[in-house]
Amino acid sequence: MGEEKDLLSSLVLELRRGTLVLSVLCQLGEEKYGYALVQSMEEKGVSIDPNTLYPLLRRLEKQGLLESSWETGGSKPRKYYRRTRQGDEILQELKRQWRQMSAGIDTLLKEDEV
């Protein structure tokens, strides 16, 4: 039973990993800092660990999909992230791909339930 649970956890993690880029890009049409992004995603039912989020944000920024700026006027400095124009274009294509794949998967799942 323990091995089966470990396998399931691993497969769920793999499934989630593929959706996080899409989820993060969707939320960054407006500037947000990391903790606000975590909260926003959790409110919408997509949890993300900060240890996963921050490396992902850095990678997306390095790829040119996000840009960042520091806000130092508050009680502590915060780094804000926002999609770039390229990020907007990539997001639109990822959404199209997601909808196409999701429809296919839904069909497969319905066939399996019969």
N, C-alpha and C. Protein backbone atom coordinates (compact mmCIF):
# COMPACT_ATOMS: atom_id res chain seq x y z
N MET A 1 0.82 -1.20 0.00
CA MET A 1 0.00 0.00 0.00
C MET A 1 0.86 1.26 0.00
N GLY A 2 1.98 1.26 0.73
CA GLY A 2 2.87 2.42 0.79
C GLY A 2 3.49 2.73 -0.55
N GLU A 3 3.90 1.68 -1.27
CA GLU A 3 4.50 1.87 -2.59
C GLU A 3 3.49 2.45 -3.57
N GLU A 4 2.25 1.98 -3.48
CA GLU A 4 1.19 2.47 -4.36
C GLU A 4 0.92 3.95 -4.08
N LYS A 5 0.91 4.32 -2.80
CA LYS A 5 0.68 5.71 -2.43
C LYS A 5 1.82 6.60 -2.93
N ASP A 6 3.06 6.12 -2.81
CA ASP A 6 4.22 6.86 -3.31
C ASP A 6 4.14 7.04 -4.82
N LEU A 7 3.75 5.98 -5.51
CA LEU A 7 3.63 6.05 -6.96
C LEU A 7 2.56 7.07 -7.35
N LEU A 8 1.41 7.02 -6.69
CA LEU A 8 0.34 7.96 -6.98
C LEU A 8 0.79 9.39 -6.72
N SER A 9 1.46 9.62 -5.60
CA SER A 9 1.95 10.97 -5.28
C SER A 9 2.92 11.47 -6.35
N SER A 10 3.78 10.59 -6.81
CA SER A 10 4.74 10.94 -7.85
C SER A 10 4.03 11.30 -9.16
N LEU A 11 3.03 10.52 -9.52
CA LEU A 11 2.29 10.77 -10.76
C LEU A 11 1.47 12.06 -10.68
N VAL A 12 0.88 12.32 -9.53
CA VAL A 12 0.12 13.56 -9.34
C VAL A 12 1.06 14.76 -9.42
N LEU A 13 2.23 14.65 -8.82
CA LEU A 13 3.23 15.72 -8.89
C LEU A 13 3.64 16.00 -10.33
N GLU A 14 3.86 14.94 -11.09
CA GLU A 14 4.22 15.07 -12.50
C GLU A 14 3.10 15.75 -13.30
N LEU A 15 1.87 15.38 -13.02
CA LEU A 15 0.72 15.98 -13.69
C LEU A 15 0.61 17.46 -13.35
N ARG A 16 0.76 17.81 -12.09
CA ARG A 16 0.67 19.21 -11.65
C ARG A 16 1.79 20.06 -12.24
N ARG A 17 2.97 19.51 -12.30
CA ARG A 17 4.14 20.26 -12.77
C ARG A 17 3.90 20.82 -14.17
N GLY A 18 3.23 20.06 -14.99
CA GLY A 18 2.96 20.50 -16.35
C GLY A 18 1.95 21.63 -16.44
N THR A 19 1.17 21.84 -15.39
CA THR A 19 0.15 22.89 -15.42
C THR A 19 0.59 24.18 -14.74
N LEU A 20 1.68 24.15 -14.01
CA LEU A 20 2.07 25.32 -13.23
C LEU A 20 2.50 26.50 -14.09
N VAL A 21 3.19 26.26 -15.18
CA VAL A 21 3.60 27.36 -16.05
C VAL A 21 2.36 28.09 -16.56
N LEU A 22 1.40 27.35 -17.05
CA LEU A 22 0.15 27.93 -17.54
C LEU A 22 -0.55 28.70 -16.42
N SER A 23 -0.62 28.12 -15.24
CA SER A 23 -1.29 28.75 -14.10
C SER A 23 -0.62 30.06 -13.71
N VAL A 24 0.70 30.05 -13.63
CA VAL A 24 1.45 31.24 -13.23
C VAL A 24 1.31 32.33 -14.29
N LEU A 25 1.47 31.98 -15.56
CA LEU A 25 1.34 32.98 -16.61
C LEU A 25 -0.05 33.61 -16.62
N CYS A 26 -1.08 32.81 -16.36
CA CYS A 26 -2.45 33.33 -16.32
C CYS A 26 -2.62 34.40 -15.25
N GLN A 27 -1.92 34.26 -14.15
CA GLN A 27 -2.09 35.16 -13.02
C GLN A 27 -1.25 36.43 -13.10
N LEU A 28 -0.34 36.52 -14.06
CA LEU A 28 0.58 37.65 -14.07
C LEU A 28 0.32 38.64 -15.20
N GLY A 29 -0.94 38.82 -15.54
CA GLY A 29 -1.31 39.90 -16.44
C GLY A 29 -1.15 41.25 -15.75
N GLU A 30 -1.26 41.24 -14.44
CA GLU A 30 -1.00 42.40 -13.59
C GLU A 30 0.15 42.06 -12.67
N GLU A 31 0.88 43.07 -12.24
CA GLU A 31 2.02 42.83 -11.36
C GLU A 31 1.58 42.19 -10.05
N LYS A 32 2.35 41.20 -9.64
CA LYS A 32 2.14 40.55 -8.34
C LYS A 32 3.51 40.16 -7.80
N TYR A 33 3.63 40.17 -6.50
CA TYR A 33 4.83 39.63 -5.87
C TYR A 33 4.54 38.19 -5.46
N GLY A 34 5.59 37.46 -5.14
CA GLY A 34 5.48 36.02 -4.94
C GLY A 34 4.39 35.57 -3.99
N TYR A 35 4.36 36.14 -2.78
CA TYR A 35 3.38 35.68 -1.79
C TYR A 35 1.96 35.97 -2.27
N ALA A 36 1.74 37.13 -2.88
CA ALA A 36 0.41 37.46 -3.40
C ALA A 36 0.01 36.49 -4.51
N LEU A 37 0.98 36.06 -5.31
CA LEU A 37 0.72 35.09 -6.37
C LEU A 37 0.32 33.74 -5.77
N VAL A 38 1.03 33.31 -4.73
CA VAL A 38 0.68 32.05 -4.05
C VAL A 38 -0.75 32.13 -3.54
N GLN A 39 -1.11 33.24 -2.88
CA GLN A 39 -2.46 33.40 -2.33
C GLN A 39 -3.51 33.41 -3.44
N SER A 40 -3.25 34.14 -4.50
CA SER A 40 -4.19 34.25 -5.61
C SER A 40 -4.45 32.88 -6.23
N MET A 41 -3.40 32.11 -6.42
CA MET A 41 -3.56 30.79 -7.01
C MET A 41 -4.31 29.86 -6.07
N GLU A 42 -3.99 29.92 -4.78
CA GLU A 42 -4.68 29.05 -3.82
C GLU A 42 -6.16 29.37 -3.74
N GLU A 43 -6.52 30.66 -3.83
CA GLU A 43 -7.93 31.05 -3.84
C GLU A 43 -8.68 30.43 -5.01
N LYS A 44 -7.96 30.17 -6.08
CA LYS A 44 -8.57 29.59 -7.28
C LYS A 44 -8.39 28.08 -7.35
N GLY A 45 -7.91 27.47 -6.26
CA GLY A 45 -7.80 26.02 -6.19
C GLY A 45 -6.52 25.42 -6.73
N VAL A 46 -5.50 26.26 -6.99
CA VAL A 46 -4.22 25.76 -7.49
C VAL A 46 -3.16 26.10 -6.45
N SER A 47 -2.76 25.11 -5.67
CA SER A 47 -1.74 25.37 -4.66
C SER A 47 -0.36 25.22 -5.27
N ILE A 48 0.55 26.06 -4.79
CA ILE A 48 1.93 26.00 -5.25
C ILE A 48 2.83 26.34 -4.07
N ASP A 49 3.82 25.53 -3.87
CA ASP A 49 4.77 25.73 -2.80
C ASP A 49 5.73 26.86 -3.20
N PRO A 50 6.04 27.77 -2.29
CA PRO A 50 7.00 28.83 -2.63
C PRO A 50 8.34 28.30 -3.13
N ASN A 51 8.76 27.14 -2.64
CA ASN A 51 10.02 26.54 -3.10
C ASN A 51 9.93 26.07 -4.56
N THR A 52 8.73 25.93 -5.05
CA THR A 52 8.52 25.61 -6.47
C THR A 52 8.32 26.90 -7.26
N LEU A 53 7.60 27.84 -6.67
CA LEU A 53 7.24 29.07 -7.37
C LEU A 53 8.44 29.93 -7.74
N TYR A 54 9.32 30.21 -6.78
CA TYR A 54 10.38 31.18 -7.04
C TYR A 54 11.37 30.72 -8.12
N PRO A 55 11.79 29.47 -8.11
CA PRO A 55 12.63 29.02 -9.24
C PRO A 55 11.88 29.09 -10.58
N LEU A 56 10.58 28.81 -10.56
CA LEU A 56 9.78 28.89 -11.79
C LEU A 56 9.72 30.34 -12.28
N LEU A 57 9.50 31.29 -11.37
CA LEU A 57 9.47 32.70 -11.76
C LEU A 57 10.80 33.13 -12.37
N ARG A 58 11.90 32.72 -11.76
CA ARG A 58 13.22 33.07 -12.30
C ARG A 58 13.43 32.47 -13.69
N ARG A 59 13.00 31.23 -13.86
CA ARG A 59 13.14 30.57 -15.17
C ARG A 59 12.31 31.27 -16.24
N LEU A 60 11.06 31.60 -15.91
CA LEU A 60 10.19 32.28 -16.87
C LEU A 60 10.72 33.67 -17.21
N GLU A 61 11.33 34.32 -16.24
CA GLU A 61 11.93 35.62 -16.51
C GLU A 61 13.15 35.47 -17.43
N LYS A 62 13.96 34.48 -17.16
CA LYS A 62 15.14 34.23 -18.00
C LYS A 62 14.72 33.90 -19.43
N GLN A 63 13.57 33.23 -19.59
CA GLN A 63 13.07 32.87 -20.91
C GLN A 63 12.39 34.05 -21.62
N GLY A 64 12.26 35.17 -20.93
CA GLY A 64 11.65 36.36 -21.53
C GLY A 64 10.14 36.42 -21.44
N LEU A 65 9.53 35.53 -20.66
CA LEU A 65 8.08 35.49 -20.54
C LEU A 65 7.56 36.40 -19.43
N LEU A 66 8.44 36.71 -18.48
CA LEU A 66 8.11 37.61 -17.37
C LEU A 66 9.18 38.68 -17.26
N GLU A 67 8.78 39.79 -16.65
CA GLU A 67 9.75 40.81 -16.28
C GLU A 67 9.49 41.13 -14.81
N SER A 68 10.49 41.65 -14.14
CA SER A 68 10.34 41.93 -12.72
C SER A 68 10.85 43.33 -12.39
N SER A 69 10.37 43.84 -11.27
CA SER A 69 10.86 45.10 -10.75
C SER A 69 10.75 45.07 -9.23
N TRP A 70 11.66 45.77 -8.59
CA TRP A 70 11.68 45.82 -7.13
C TRP A 70 10.89 47.02 -6.65
N GLU A 71 10.09 46.81 -5.62
CA GLU A 71 9.40 47.89 -4.92
C GLU A 71 10.04 48.00 -3.54
N THR A 72 10.64 49.12 -3.27
CA THR A 72 11.37 49.28 -2.01
C THR A 72 10.72 50.29 -1.08
N GLY A 73 9.57 50.80 -1.44
CA GLY A 73 8.92 51.84 -0.63
C GLY A 73 8.19 51.33 0.60
N GLY A 74 7.89 50.06 0.66
CA GLY A 74 7.13 49.51 1.78
C GLY A 74 8.00 49.12 2.95
N SER A 75 7.43 48.34 3.86
CA SER A 75 8.17 47.92 5.05
C SER A 75 9.33 46.98 4.71
N LYS A 76 9.17 46.22 3.62
CA LYS A 76 10.28 45.39 3.15
C LYS A 76 10.25 45.34 1.63
N PRO A 77 11.40 45.21 1.00
CA PRO A 77 11.44 45.19 -0.47
C PRO A 77 10.69 43.97 -1.02
N ARG A 78 10.00 44.19 -2.13
CA ARG A 78 9.28 43.11 -2.79
C ARG A 78 9.60 43.14 -4.28
N LYS A 79 9.76 41.94 -4.82
CA LYS A 79 9.99 41.82 -6.26
C LYS A 79 8.66 41.48 -6.93
N TYR A 80 8.24 42.34 -7.84
CA TYR A 80 6.99 42.16 -8.56
C TYR A 80 7.26 41.58 -9.95
N TYR A 81 6.39 40.68 -10.37
CA TYR A 81 6.51 40.03 -11.68
C TYR A 81 5.29 40.37 -12.52
N ARG A 82 5.50 40.41 -13.83
CA ARG A 82 4.43 40.66 -14.79
C ARG A 82 4.81 40.01 -16.11
N ARG A 83 3.79 39.54 -16.85
CA ARG A 83 4.03 38.96 -18.18
C ARG A 83 4.58 40.01 -19.13
N THR A 84 5.45 39.58 -20.01
CA THR A 84 5.94 40.43 -21.10
C THR A 84 5.01 40.24 -22.30
N ARG A 85 5.25 40.99 -23.34
CA ARG A 85 4.48 40.82 -24.58
C ARG A 85 4.67 39.38 -25.10
N GLN A 86 5.91 38.90 -25.07
CA GLN A 86 6.17 37.52 -25.49
C GLN A 86 5.42 36.54 -24.58
N GLY A 87 5.38 36.83 -23.29
CA GLY A 87 4.64 36.00 -22.35
C GLY A 87 3.15 35.97 -22.67
N ASP A 88 2.61 37.13 -23.10
CA ASP A 88 1.20 37.18 -23.51
C ASP A 88 0.95 36.27 -24.70
N GLU A 89 1.86 36.33 -25.68
CA GLU A 89 1.70 35.51 -26.89
C GLU A 89 1.81 34.02 -26.57
N ILE A 90 2.80 33.68 -25.76
CA ILE A 90 2.98 32.27 -25.37
C ILE A 90 1.77 31.79 -24.57
N LEU A 91 1.27 32.62 -23.68
CA LEU A 91 0.09 32.24 -22.88
C LEU A 91 -1.10 31.93 -23.79
N GLN A 92 -1.34 32.75 -24.79
CA GLN A 92 -2.46 32.50 -25.69
C GLN A 92 -2.32 31.14 -26.39
N GLU A 93 -1.12 30.82 -26.82
CA GLU A 93 -0.91 29.53 -27.48
C GLU A 93 -1.02 28.38 -26.48
N LEU A 94 -0.50 28.55 -25.27
CA LEU A 94 -0.62 27.51 -24.25
C LEU A 94 -2.09 27.27 -23.90
N LYS A 95 -2.86 28.33 -23.81
CA LYS A 95 -4.30 28.19 -23.53
C LYS A 95 -4.99 27.41 -24.64
N ARG A 96 -4.64 27.72 -25.88
CA ARG A 96 -5.22 27.00 -27.01
C ARG A 96 -4.86 25.51 -26.93
N GLN A 97 -3.59 25.24 -26.68
CA GLN A 97 -3.13 23.86 -26.56
C GLN A 97 -3.81 23.15 -25.39
N TRP A 98 -3.94 23.85 -24.26
CA TRP A 98 -4.59 23.27 -23.08
C TRP A 98 -6.03 22.87 -23.38
N ARG A 99 -6.76 23.77 -24.03
CA ARG A 99 -8.16 23.48 -24.33
C ARG A 99 -8.29 22.29 -25.27
N GLN A 100 -7.40 22.21 -26.24
CA GLN A 100 -7.42 21.10 -27.18
C GLN A 100 -7.09 19.78 -26.46
N MET A 101 -6.04 19.79 -25.64
CA MET A 101 -5.67 18.57 -24.92
C MET A 101 -6.74 18.20 -23.90
N SER A 102 -7.27 19.20 -23.21
CA SER A 102 -8.28 18.95 -22.18
C SER A 102 -9.52 18.30 -22.78
N ALA A 103 -9.94 18.78 -23.94
CA ALA A 103 -11.10 18.19 -24.61
C ALA A 103 -10.83 16.73 -24.97
N GLY A 104 -9.64 16.45 -25.46
CA GLY A 104 -9.28 15.07 -25.80
C GLY A 104 -9.23 14.18 -24.58
N ILE A 105 -8.64 14.68 -23.50
CA ILE A 105 -8.57 13.91 -22.26
C ILE A 105 -9.96 13.66 -21.71
N ASP A 106 -10.82 14.68 -21.73
CA ASP A 106 -12.20 14.50 -21.27
C ASP A 106 -12.91 13.40 -22.04
N THR A 107 -12.69 13.36 -23.34
CA THR A 107 -13.28 12.31 -24.17
C THR A 107 -12.78 10.94 -23.73
N LEU A 108 -11.48 10.83 -23.53
CA LEU A 108 -10.89 9.55 -23.09
C LEU A 108 -11.44 9.13 -21.72
N LEU A 109 -11.55 10.08 -20.81
CA LEU A 109 -12.03 9.76 -19.47
C LEU A 109 -13.49 9.30 -19.51
N LYS A 110 -14.29 9.94 -20.34
CA LYS A 110 -15.70 9.56 -20.46
C LYS A 110 -15.83 8.15 -21.06
N GLU A 111 -14.99 7.84 -22.04
CA GLU A 111 -15.02 6.50 -22.65
C GLU A 111 -14.68 5.44 -21.61
N ASP A 112 -13.75 5.77 -20.71
CA ASP A 112 -13.32 4.81 -19.69
C ASP A 112 -14.39 4.57 -18.65
N GLU A 113 -15.28 5.52 -18.46
CA GLU A 113 -16.34 5.40 -17.46
C GLU A 113 -17.49 4.52 -17.92
N VAL A 114 -17.57 4.25 -19.22
CA VAL A 114 -18.67 3.45 -19.76
C VAL A 114 -18.51 2.01 -19.42
